[in-house]
Amino acid sequence: MVANGQDEPVEPSSGRFVLAIVLPTVPEGLLARGLLQAEGIPVLTKGEGEGPYRMGPVELWVPEGFEVQARLLVESPPASEGSEPVS
């Protein structure tokens, strides 16, 4: 979201959803969906099976204006990777 100079968030204007990410398993898809929602990004989930034997892949669809931000959030490594272990 971008501020409009009045400290109010501005939502992307396009209401069109685009396929941003495809994850191979349901748990990965649910985790990624939660991450995006925590950042305020609306998410539609497709491909998630019903019932006790849920199988992937899972598609995450986001509004067109959030596509780049969503990909960066999900595809970037966690902050702890590459850091030195504390002794």
Protein backbone atom coordinates (compact mmCIF):
# COMPACT_ATOMS: atom_id res chain seq x y z
CA MET A 1 0.00 0.00 0.00
CA VAL A 2 1.09 3.51 -0.70
CA ALA A 3 0.33 6.51 1.46
CA ASN A 4 -1.50 9.34 -0.26
CA GLY A 5 0.06 12.11 1.81
CA GLN A 6 -2.77 12.05 4.35
CA ASP A 7 -1.56 8.99 6.28
CA GLU A 8 -4.32 6.88 4.74
CA PRO A 9 -3.41 3.70 2.87
CA VAL A 10 -4.29 3.59 -0.81
CA GLU A 11 -5.38 0.23 -2.18
CA PRO A 12 -4.34 -0.74 -5.71
CA SER A 13 -7.12 0.36 -8.05
CA SER A 14 -7.42 -2.80 -10.13
CA GLY A 15 -9.90 -5.35 -8.81
CA ARG A 16 -8.38 -8.01 -11.06
CA PHE A 17 -6.76 -10.97 -9.31
CA VAL A 18 -3.64 -12.57 -10.80
CA LEU A 19 -1.87 -15.85 -10.08
CA ALA A 20 1.10 -14.83 -7.95
CA ILE A 21 2.43 -18.06 -6.47
CA VAL A 22 2.01 -21.82 -6.85
CA LEU A 23 3.17 -23.95 -3.93
CA PRO A 24 3.56 -27.74 -4.10
CA THR A 25 1.77 -28.70 -0.88
CA VAL A 26 -1.25 -27.61 1.14
CA PRO A 27 0.75 -26.79 4.32
CA GLU A 28 3.12 -24.54 2.34
CA GLY A 29 0.16 -22.87 0.66
CA LEU A 30 -1.62 -22.24 3.95
CA LEU A 31 1.53 -20.80 5.54
CA ALA A 32 2.12 -18.49 2.58
CA ARG A 33 -1.53 -17.40 2.59
CA GLY A 34 -1.25 -16.54 6.30
CA LEU A 35 1.94 -14.56 5.69
CA LEU A 36 0.31 -12.52 2.93
CA GLN A 37 -2.85 -11.91 4.95
CA ALA A 38 -0.74 -10.78 7.93
CA GLU A 39 0.79 -8.15 5.63
CA GLY A 40 -2.67 -6.94 4.59
CA ILE A 41 -2.67 -8.56 1.16
CA PRO A 42 -6.02 -10.07 0.09
CA VAL A 43 -5.57 -13.69 -1.08
CA LEU A 44 -7.73 -16.16 -2.98
CA THR A 45 -6.65 -19.80 -2.63
CA LYS A 46 -7.31 -22.37 -5.36
CA GLY A 47 -6.36 -26.01 -5.72
CA GLU A 48 -6.64 -26.82 -2.05
CA GLY A 49 -8.33 -30.22 -1.77
CA GLU A 50 -11.18 -30.97 0.61
CA GLY A 51 -11.42 -33.85 3.03
CA PRO A 52 -8.92 -35.73 5.17
CA TYR A 53 -6.34 -36.29 2.37
CA ARG A 54 -5.72 -32.77 1.17
CA MET A 55 -3.20 -32.56 -1.64
CA GLY A 56 -1.47 -29.72 -3.49
CA PRO A 57 -0.51 -27.83 -5.48
CA VAL A 58 -2.01 -24.64 -4.08
CA GLU A 59 -2.41 -21.47 -6.13
CA LEU A 60 -2.40 -18.08 -4.42
CA TRP A 61 -4.17 -15.30 -6.31
CA VAL A 62 -3.75 -11.66 -5.26
CA PRO A 63 -4.96 -8.30 -6.62
CA GLU A 64 -2.83 -7.22 -9.55
CA GLY A 65 -1.30 -4.30 -7.64
CA PHE A 66 -0.01 -6.63 -4.90
CA GLU A 67 1.60 -9.26 -7.18
CA VAL A 68 5.22 -8.12 -6.83
CA GLN A 69 4.95 -7.55 -3.07
CA ALA A 70 3.36 -11.00 -2.58
CA ARG A 71 6.08 -12.76 -4.56
CA LEU A 72 8.83 -10.97 -2.66
CA LEU A 73 7.31 -11.89 0.70
CA VAL A 74 6.87 -15.58 -0.10
CA GLU A 75 10.02 -16.15 -2.13
CA SER A 76 12.49 -14.24 0.05
CA PRO A 77 14.44 -16.31 2.58
CA PRO A 78 13.68 -15.84 6.28
CA ALA A 79 15.78 -13.20 8.03
CA SER A 80 17.59 -15.84 10.10
CA GLU A 81 19.11 -17.56 7.04
CA GLY A 82 22.71 -16.69 6.40
CA SER A 83 23.26 -15.18 9.81
CA GLU A 84 25.96 -16.39 12.13
CA PRO A 85 24.92 -18.73 14.95
CA VAL A 86 25.08 -17.18 18.41
CA SER A 87 27.58 -18.90 20.70
